[in-house]
Protein backbone atom coordinates (compact mmCIF):
# COMPACT_ATOMS: atom_id res chain seq x y z
CA UNK A 1 52.89 105.63 118.89
CA UNK A 2 56.12 104.45 119.78
CA UNK A 3 58.26 105.55 122.92
CA UNK A 4 61.95 105.26 123.26
CA UNK A 5 63.38 105.92 126.68
CA UNK A 6 66.87 107.30 127.45
CA UNK A 7 67.77 106.93 130.90
CA UNK A 8 71.14 106.06 132.84
CA UNK A 9 68.99 104.84 135.77
CA UNK A 10 66.07 104.34 134.41
CA UNK A 11 63.10 104.73 134.68
CA UNK A 12 64.98 108.16 137.29
CA UNK A 13 62.93 111.41 136.69
CA UNK A 14 60.47 109.10 134.03
CA UNK A 15 59.44 106.23 136.77
CA UNK A 16 55.47 108.02 136.70
CA UNK A 17 55.91 109.60 132.99
CA UNK A 18 56.73 106.10 131.10
CA UNK A 19 54.30 104.15 133.09
CA UNK A 20 51.59 106.27 132.37
CA UNK A 21 52.24 106.56 128.43
CA UNK A 22 52.07 102.65 128.30
CA UNK A 23 48.85 102.88 130.20
CA UNK A 24 47.59 104.90 126.89
CA UNK A 25 48.65 101.84 124.70
CA UNK A 26 51.42 103.16 123.52
CA UNK A 27 54.57 100.79 122.82
CA UNK A 28 56.73 102.32 125.52
CA UNK A 29 60.96 100.83 125.56
CA UNK A 30 63.69 102.43 127.56
CA UNK A 31 67.50 101.08 126.81
CA UNK A 32 69.45 101.52 129.96
CA UNK A 33 72.19 100.15 131.60
CA UNK A 34 70.83 99.98 134.65
CA UNK A 35 69.34 96.38 133.92
CA UNK A 36 71.28 93.31 133.85
CA UNK A 37 68.62 91.48 131.69
CA UNK A 38 65.79 92.08 129.43
CA UNK A 39 62.50 92.58 130.86
CA UNK A 40 58.98 94.00 131.37
CA UNK A 41 58.49 97.49 133.96
CA UNK A 42 55.01 98.79 134.49
CA UNK A 43 54.07 98.11 130.92
CA UNK A 44 57.75 98.94 129.57
CA UNK A 45 60.35 97.08 127.83
CA UNK A 46 63.80 97.47 129.38
CA UNK A 47 66.54 96.74 127.22
CA UNK A 48 70.00 96.85 128.59
CA UNK A 49 73.63 97.23 127.20
CA UNK A 50 76.53 97.79 127.67
CA UNK A 51 79.16 99.61 127.75
CA UNK A 52 82.42 98.09 125.47
CA UNK A 53 85.55 98.04 126.97
CA UNK A 54 88.80 100.20 127.10
CA UNK A 55 92.42 100.84 126.84
CA UNK A 56 93.73 104.11 129.32
CA UNK A 57 94.45 106.94 127.03
CA UNK A 58 95.46 110.01 127.86
CA UNK A 59 92.81 112.95 128.07
CA UNK A 60 92.82 116.72 128.90
CA UNK A 61 91.14 117.00 131.91
CA UNK A 62 88.93 119.22 130.36
CA UNK A 63 87.63 116.68 128.08
CA UNK A 64 87.45 113.40 130.51
CA UNK A 65 83.40 114.38 131.15
CA UNK A 66 82.85 114.29 127.26
CA UNK A 67 85.40 111.56 126.55
CA UNK A 68 83.13 109.05 129.55
CA UNK A 69 79.89 110.22 127.49
CA UNK A 70 80.93 109.83 123.81
CA UNK A 71 81.86 106.40 125.39
CA UNK A 72 78.18 106.29 126.42
CA UNK A 73 76.98 107.53 123.45
CA UNK A 74 78.89 105.30 121.28
CA UNK A 75 77.37 101.89 123.33
CA UNK A 76 73.73 103.62 123.26
CA UNK A 77 73.73 104.07 119.11
CA UNK A 78 74.66 100.44 118.74
CA UNK A 79 72.39 99.84 121.14
CA UNK A 80 69.56 101.39 118.81
CA UNK A 81 71.41 99.61 115.91
CA UNK A 82 70.42 96.27 117.00
CA UNK A 83 66.64 97.86 117.99
CA UNK A 84 65.85 99.51 114.77
CA UNK A 85 67.41 96.36 113.17
CA UNK A 86 65.00 94.34 115.47
CA UNK A 87 61.78 96.17 113.82
CA UNK A 88 61.46 99.00 115.87
CA UNK A 89 61.09 102.74 115.14
CA UNK A 90 60.53 104.98 117.44
CA UNK A 91 57.96 108.02 117.18
CA UNK A 92 58.94 109.76 120.27
CA UNK A 93 62.58 109.66 122.02
CA UNK A 94 62.39 110.90 125.25
CA UNK A 95 65.89 111.56 127.04
CA UNK A 96 67.68 112.79 130.23
CA UNK A 97 70.81 113.63 128.39
CA UNK A 98 72.99 114.17 131.30
CA UNK A 99 75.02 111.44 130.70
CA UNK A 100 75.39 111.16 127.19
CA UNK A 101 73.47 108.34 125.91
CA UNK A 102 71.59 110.19 123.27
CA UNK A 103 73.43 111.85 121.17
CA UNK A 104 73.44 109.71 118.54
CA UNK A 105 69.99 108.42 118.70
CA UNK A 106 68.52 111.24 115.26
CA UNK A 107 71.41 109.45 113.22
CA UNK A 108 69.79 106.10 114.10
CA UNK A 109 66.58 108.18 113.63
CA UNK A 110 66.13 110.79 111.71
CA UNK A 111 62.28 111.15 111.30
CA UNK A 112 61.80 111.10 115.45
CA UNK A 113 60.96 113.41 117.64
CA UNK A 114 63.07 113.88 120.53
CA UNK A 115 62.74 115.82 124.20
CA UNK A 116 65.11 115.85 126.92
CA UNK A 117 64.92 115.91 130.58
CA UNK A 118 66.62 119.58 131.26
CA UNK A 119 68.21 119.16 134.67
CA UNK A 120 70.60 122.13 134.25
CA UNK A 121 72.86 123.77 132.51
CA UNK A 122 76.06 124.75 133.49
CA UNK A 123 77.60 128.20 134.26
CA UNK A 124 80.28 130.27 135.35
CA UNK A 125 79.34 132.96 137.01
CA UNK A 126 78.10 133.38 140.81
CA UNK A 127 75.84 132.17 142.72
CA UNK A 128 76.44 129.01 140.33
CA UNK A 129 80.53 128.63 140.65
CA UNK A 130 82.25 130.33 143.76
CA UNK A 131 78.70 130.03 146.28
CA UNK A 132 80.68 128.22 148.85
CA UNK A 133 84.53 130.15 149.53
CA UNK A 134 84.91 127.43 151.78
CA UNK A 135 85.74 124.68 148.29
CA UNK A 136 86.07 127.00 146.09
CA UNK A 137 87.82 130.34 147.17
CA UNK A 138 88.31 131.20 144.32
CA UNK A 139 87.11 130.77 140.78
CA UNK A 140 89.90 130.89 138.43
CA UNK A 141 89.85 132.02 134.58
CA UNK A 142 89.64 128.59 133.05
CA UNK A 143 87.00 127.90 134.75
CA UNK A 144 84.53 129.54 132.21
CA UNK A 145 86.53 126.95 129.17
CA UNK A 146 86.17 124.49 131.71
CA UNK A 147 81.75 124.74 132.28
CA UNK A 148 81.55 125.81 127.67
CA UNK A 149 83.09 121.93 127.28
CA UNK A 150 81.43 120.34 130.06
CA UNK A 151 78.61 122.50 127.97
CA UNK A 152 79.43 120.85 125.29
CA UNK A 153 76.93 117.83 125.65
CA UNK A 154 74.39 120.28 126.41
CA UNK A 155 74.81 121.86 122.71
CA UNK A 156 74.68 118.55 121.09
CA UNK A 157 71.39 118.15 121.94
CA UNK A 158 69.52 121.10 121.41
CA UNK A 159 70.57 121.02 117.84
CA UNK A 160 68.79 117.27 117.41
CA UNK A 161 65.81 118.28 120.52
CA UNK A 162 62.56 119.36 119.23
CA UNK A 163 61.45 121.04 123.06
CA UNK A 164 62.85 119.96 126.53
CA UNK A 165 61.13 119.77 130.02
CA UNK A 166 62.27 121.06 133.60
CA UNK A 167 61.15 120.88 136.88
CA UNK A 168 62.13 124.18 138.32
CA UNK A 169 62.49 127.15 136.38
CA UNK A 170 65.05 128.40 138.54
CA UNK A 171 66.96 125.06 136.83
CA UNK A 172 64.97 125.69 133.37
CA UNK A 173 66.40 129.57 132.91
CA UNK A 174 69.94 128.25 133.92
CA UNK A 175 69.96 126.89 129.48
CA UNK A 176 70.19 129.73 127.36
CA UNK A 177 67.43 131.70 125.25
CA UNK A 178 68.30 129.05 121.96
CA UNK A 179 67.15 126.38 123.87
CA UNK A 180 64.84 128.13 127.08
CA UNK A 181 62.13 128.51 124.59
CA UNK A 182 61.66 125.60 124.16
CA UNK A 183 61.89 124.52 127.82
CA UNK A 184 57.95 123.67 129.05
CA UNK A 185 58.12 123.73 133.47
CA UNK A 186 56.95 121.00 134.75
CA UNK A 187 57.26 119.44 138.29
CA UNK A 188 58.57 115.85 138.13
CA UNK A 189 55.88 115.50 141.04
CA UNK A 190 54.17 113.99 144.49
CA UNK A 191 51.93 112.17 145.32
CA UNK A 192 50.24 113.84 147.65
CA UNK A 193 47.36 111.73 148.10
CA UNK A 194 50.44 108.75 150.19
CA UNK A 195 52.36 111.53 151.77
CA UNK A 196 49.75 112.91 153.96
CA UNK A 197 49.79 114.41 157.33
CA UNK A 198 49.26 111.48 159.82
CA UNK A 199 49.36 112.23 163.58
CA UNK A 200 49.83 108.83 164.51
CA UNK A 201 52.80 108.64 162.55
CA UNK A 202 55.30 105.75 164.04
CA UNK A 203 59.32 105.47 163.81
CA UNK A 204 61.02 102.46 164.09
CA UNK A 205 64.75 101.83 164.05
CA UNK A 206 66.61 99.20 163.56
CA UNK A 207 67.67 100.34 167.03
CA UNK A 208 65.04 99.36 168.59
CA UNK A 209 63.93 102.34 168.85
CA UNK A 210 60.42 104.52 168.17
CA UNK A 211 59.63 108.46 167.47
CA UNK A 212 56.27 109.34 167.07
CA UNK A 213 54.85 113.07 166.94
CA UNK A 214 55.26 113.60 170.66
CA UNK A 215 58.73 113.00 170.54
CA UNK A 216 60.98 116.62 169.68
CA UNK A 217 62.35 115.46 166.62
CA UNK A 218 64.61 117.35 163.50
CA UNK A 219 65.33 115.77 160.66
CA UNK A 220 68.15 116.99 158.04
CA UNK A 221 68.54 115.00 154.64
CA UNK A 222 70.40 114.13 152.29
CA UNK A 223 70.98 111.73 148.93
CA UNK A 224 74.76 111.70 150.07
CA UNK A 225 75.68 114.06 152.75
CA UNK A 226 77.85 116.36 151.17
CA UNK A 227 78.68 120.47 150.94
CA UNK A 228 76.28 120.71 148.34
CA UNK A 229 72.92 120.16 150.22
CA UNK A 230 74.55 122.02 153.25
CA UNK A 231 75.68 118.96 155.40
CA UNK A 232 78.77 121.18 156.75
CA UNK A 233 76.08 124.29 157.83
CA UNK A 234 74.18 121.64 159.88
CA UNK A 235 76.82 119.65 161.41
CA UNK A 236 78.62 122.98 162.44
CA UNK A 237 74.76 124.13 164.14
CA UNK A 238 74.59 121.16 165.87
CA UNK A 239 76.84 121.99 169.00
CA UNK A 240 74.61 124.61 170.24
CA UNK A 241 71.45 123.31 168.72
CA UNK A 242 71.24 120.00 171.36
CA UNK A 243 72.14 122.29 173.71
CA UNK A 244 69.60 124.92 173.31
CA UNK A 245 67.14 122.16 172.71
CA UNK A 246 68.26 119.10 175.39
CA UNK A 247 65.20 116.82 174.66
CA UNK A 248 65.39 116.72 170.99
CA UNK A 249 66.19 113.99 169.28
CA UNK A 250 68.24 114.65 165.27
CA UNK A 251 68.04 112.25 163.11
CA UNK A 252 69.83 112.78 159.41
CA UNK A 253 69.39 110.66 156.53
CA UNK A 254 72.11 110.42 153.74
CA UNK A 255 74.51 108.40 152.19
CA UNK A 256 78.60 108.38 152.25
CA UNK A 257 79.17 109.22 148.58
CA UNK A 258 79.04 111.96 146.84
CA UNK A 259 76.17 113.34 144.52
CA UNK A 260 77.56 116.85 144.01
CA UNK A 261 80.14 119.13 144.03
CA UNK A 262 84.01 117.90 144.58
CA UNK A 263 85.36 114.50 146.13
CA UNK A 264 86.52 114.97 149.99
CA UNK A 265 90.99 113.95 150.71
CA UNK A 266 90.91 110.18 149.08
CA UNK A 267 90.05 107.75 151.91
CA UNK A 268 87.70 110.17 153.72
CA UNK A 269 84.18 111.07 153.47
CA UNK A 270 82.54 114.43 154.03
CA UNK A 271 80.21 112.51 157.09
CA UNK A 272 82.95 111.90 159.10
CA UNK A 273 85.37 114.94 158.28
CA UNK A 274 82.19 117.25 160.04
CA UNK A 275 81.25 114.23 162.63
CA UNK A 276 84.83 114.21 163.86
CA UNK A 277 85.41 118.32 163.12
CA UNK A 278 82.11 119.33 165.67
CA UNK A 279 82.06 116.00 168.15
CA UNK A 280 84.66 117.69 170.59
CA UNK A 281 82.75 120.13 171.24
CA UNK A 282 79.80 117.79 172.62
CA UNK A 283 78.78 115.70 175.54
CA UNK A 284 78.68 112.21 174.67
CA UNK A 285 74.63 112.28 176.23
CA UNK A 286 73.85 115.33 173.57
CA UNK A 287 76.35 112.94 170.60
CA UNK A 288 73.90 109.99 171.82
CA UNK A 289 70.61 112.10 170.59
CA UNK A 290 71.75 112.53 167.33
CA UNK A 291 70.81 109.29 164.70
CA UNK A 292 72.65 108.76 162.09
CA UNK A 293 70.33 106.87 159.53
CA UNK A 294 72.12 105.83 156.71
CA UNK A 295 70.06 105.02 153.29
CA UNK A 296 66.29 104.67 154.20
CA UNK A 297 63.65 102.43 152.66
CA UNK A 298 60.53 104.73 151.28
CA UNK A 299 58.28 104.01 153.75
CA UNK A 300 60.15 104.26 156.77
CA UNK A 301 61.78 107.77 155.22
CA UNK A 302 58.12 108.91 154.90
CA UNK A 303 57.23 107.61 158.39
CA UNK A 304 60.67 109.99 159.14
CA UNK A 305 59.02 112.95 157.56
CA UNK A 306 55.36 112.00 159.51
CA UNK A 307 57.13 112.53 162.39
CA UNK A 308 58.98 115.29 162.23
CA UNK A 309 59.08 118.49 163.96
CA UNK A 310 61.30 120.73 162.52
CA UNK A 311 62.62 119.39 158.89
CA UNK A 312 65.87 121.32 157.34
CA UNK A 313 66.52 121.78 154.00
CA UNK A 314 69.95 123.47 152.95
CA UNK A 315 71.11 123.87 149.23
CA UNK A 316 73.81 125.91 146.76
CA UNK A 317 71.86 127.15 144.20
CA UNK A 318 71.40 124.00 142.54
CA UNK A 319 69.02 120.81 141.64
CA UNK A 320 65.44 120.71 143.75
CA UNK A 321 65.47 117.87 145.91
CA UNK A 322 61.87 116.21 146.46
CA UNK A 323 62.64 116.21 149.53
CA UNK A 324 61.73 118.84 149.97
CA UNK A 325 58.21 118.84 148.19
CA UNK A 326 58.01 115.77 150.12
CA UNK A 327 58.19 117.36 153.82
CA UNK A 328 55.76 120.15 152.68
CA UNK A 329 52.89 117.86 151.05
CA UNK A 330 53.18 115.97 154.82
CA UNK A 331 52.52 120.02 156.55
CA UNK A 332 55.76 119.61 157.48
CA UNK A 333 57.09 122.49 159.35
CA UNK A 334 60.51 123.80 157.34
CA UNK A 335 64.08 125.95 157.89
CA UNK A 336 65.77 126.44 154.49
CA UNK A 337 67.75 128.15 152.58
CA UNK A 338 67.23 130.71 151.57
CA UNK A 339 69.00 129.81 147.72
CA UNK A 340 66.97 129.76 144.53
CA UNK A 341 65.76 127.00 143.99
CA UNK A 342 64.06 127.06 147.10
CA UNK A 343 62.59 130.33 146.95
CA UNK A 344 59.91 128.89 144.03
CA UNK A 345 59.26 126.90 147.04
CA UNK A 346 59.01 128.20 150.70
CA UNK A 347 57.86 131.94 151.36
CA UNK A 348 59.36 132.80 154.29
CA UNK A 349 56.56 133.28 157.17
CA UNK A 350 53.79 131.81 155.00
CA UNK A 351 55.41 128.13 153.48
CA UNK A 352 58.53 127.70 155.95
CA UNK A 353 61.02 129.98 157.32
CA UNK A 354 64.42 130.45 154.80
CA UNK A 355 67.41 131.51 156.48
CA UNK A 356 71.11 132.86 154.92
CA UNK A 357 73.16 129.46 153.23
CA UNK A 358 76.74 130.05 155.58
CA UNK A 359 74.26 131.31 158.33
CA UNK A 360 74.62 128.54 161.93
CA UNK A 361 73.35 131.24 164.53
CA UNK A 362 70.21 132.21 162.42
CA UNK A 363 69.25 128.41 161.64
CA UNK A 364 69.61 127.18 165.38
CA UNK A 365 67.42 130.28 166.36
CA UNK A 366 64.72 129.56 163.30
CA UNK A 367 64.59 125.88 164.33
CA UNK A 368 64.21 126.79 167.96
CA UNK A 369 61.08 129.62 166.96
CA UNK A 370 59.44 127.04 165.64
CA UNK A 371 59.97 124.39 168.66
CA UNK A 372 58.61 126.93 170.47
CA UNK A 373 55.58 127.87 168.48
CA UNK A 374 53.33 124.65 167.95
CA UNK A 375 51.14 127.40 165.65
CA UNK A 376 53.12 128.85 163.52
CA UNK A 377 54.54 124.84 162.78
CA UNK A 378 50.63 124.23 161.55
CA UNK A 379 49.90 127.11 159.53
CA UNK A 380 52.91 127.07 158.33
CA UNK A 381 52.59 122.83 157.73
CA UNK A 382 48.73 123.67 156.13
CA UNK A 383 49.98 126.38 153.27
CA UNK A 384 53.26 123.88 152.70
CA UNK A 385 50.87 121.12 151.61
CA UNK A 386 48.05 123.96 149.69
CA UNK A 387 50.99 124.44 147.79
CA UNK A 388 52.19 121.46 146.66
CA UNK A 389 48.59 120.26 146.24
CA UNK A 390 47.60 123.22 144.22
CA UNK A 391 51.08 123.01 141.58
CA UNK A 392 53.45 120.01 142.30
CA UNK A 393 50.50 117.08 143.15
CA UNK A 394 51.30 113.75 141.31
CA UNK A 395 47.72 112.73 139.91
CA UNK A 396 46.51 116.26 139.23
CA UNK A 397 49.07 118.43 138.04
CA UNK A 398 51.85 117.01 137.00
CA UNK A 399 51.95 113.20 135.75
CA UNK A 400 49.18 114.69 132.86
CA UNK A 401 50.80 117.91 132.09
CA UNK A 402 53.78 115.17 131.34
CA UNK A 403 52.17 113.01 129.14
CA UNK A 404 50.45 116.09 127.54
CA UNK A 405 53.67 117.07 126.30
CA UNK A 406 54.98 114.24 125.18
CA UNK A 407 52.24 114.06 122.76
CA UNK A 408 52.92 116.65 121.59
CA UNK A 409 56.39 116.57 120.36
CA UNK A 410 54.86 114.20 117.74
CA UNK A 411 52.37 116.96 116.51
CA UNK A 412 55.33 119.16 115.44
């Protein structure tokens, strides 16, 4: 079977699925903007393409997102035509439609089946909008109109796709009934063999400092430090947390950019904005126990999770981070926000502790409670790992499910 993968940042969510299908003998090709030159990755032929240059044009603000997607879709269309002319005809197209690239591919290959990675359908009602009043104090009546246009890309894909794949029920359930019935829930998968508890784990920092399981380590991880992932809530909890735990070290992982939500005022970063907000209430000796690690290599990231005594995970009702399941896989003791889809993974008192997203005092109390309760930490960690190995293990559960989903599409 010939399979074409479409992802702006290939492999992205297809990093396990694409090689697995190639190993099974399927001819796999990926069109992507990420690569600079053709090559092969884990049995997948990588073909790059570029966006054509454009002159500036006046576009209604609500149409900027769609304009960008159509621009990408046109470039991908022309790359697909060249691929067709070179003799490649896919039986199956597997695409992440979030950036629009796959919009016109059925115009190139009308008979190909298409499966979509369904990450999120944008909704105008609470809690999808207006969840954090600090950054969205009111929902304008026109917000629903703007989001309807943002979903044009989704609806255009519904008409050409045969099925969808979504990692969590929360994400799948954001999609309307007209397409929800075609979505299979199957997580991207966690490598529980690699991500397992290690009492001898050691984290070495570039500063020369090292930490082990003997240290009181509190960890907080975002791709980028921003309100969507509760960075502001965690930072506002630090003054009391540092005072309550004089021996604790706070290790914060995350970049300075924005992955989701609004950007900070021009010239500023969310990271620095909330450092400036709390720094005056934290004595210098305590502040020296706070470590901003930026983005770290994956091996160091694993070590960080393994030495963590309590891990904090906060998020708006949104896409669930891999880092939550990865922490659970190493038997991490977790304090998380009581928000969907977190509650799919964390049951309060069973696989972790839950607290209201905005309750920073409650957050400190839950962290301190676990730091004082080694037996409870161990029990929560064991239960968390059991849940991940049972429902989200890459090799035994998720990858076979993804492969079966992909191969079944050509039989529809």
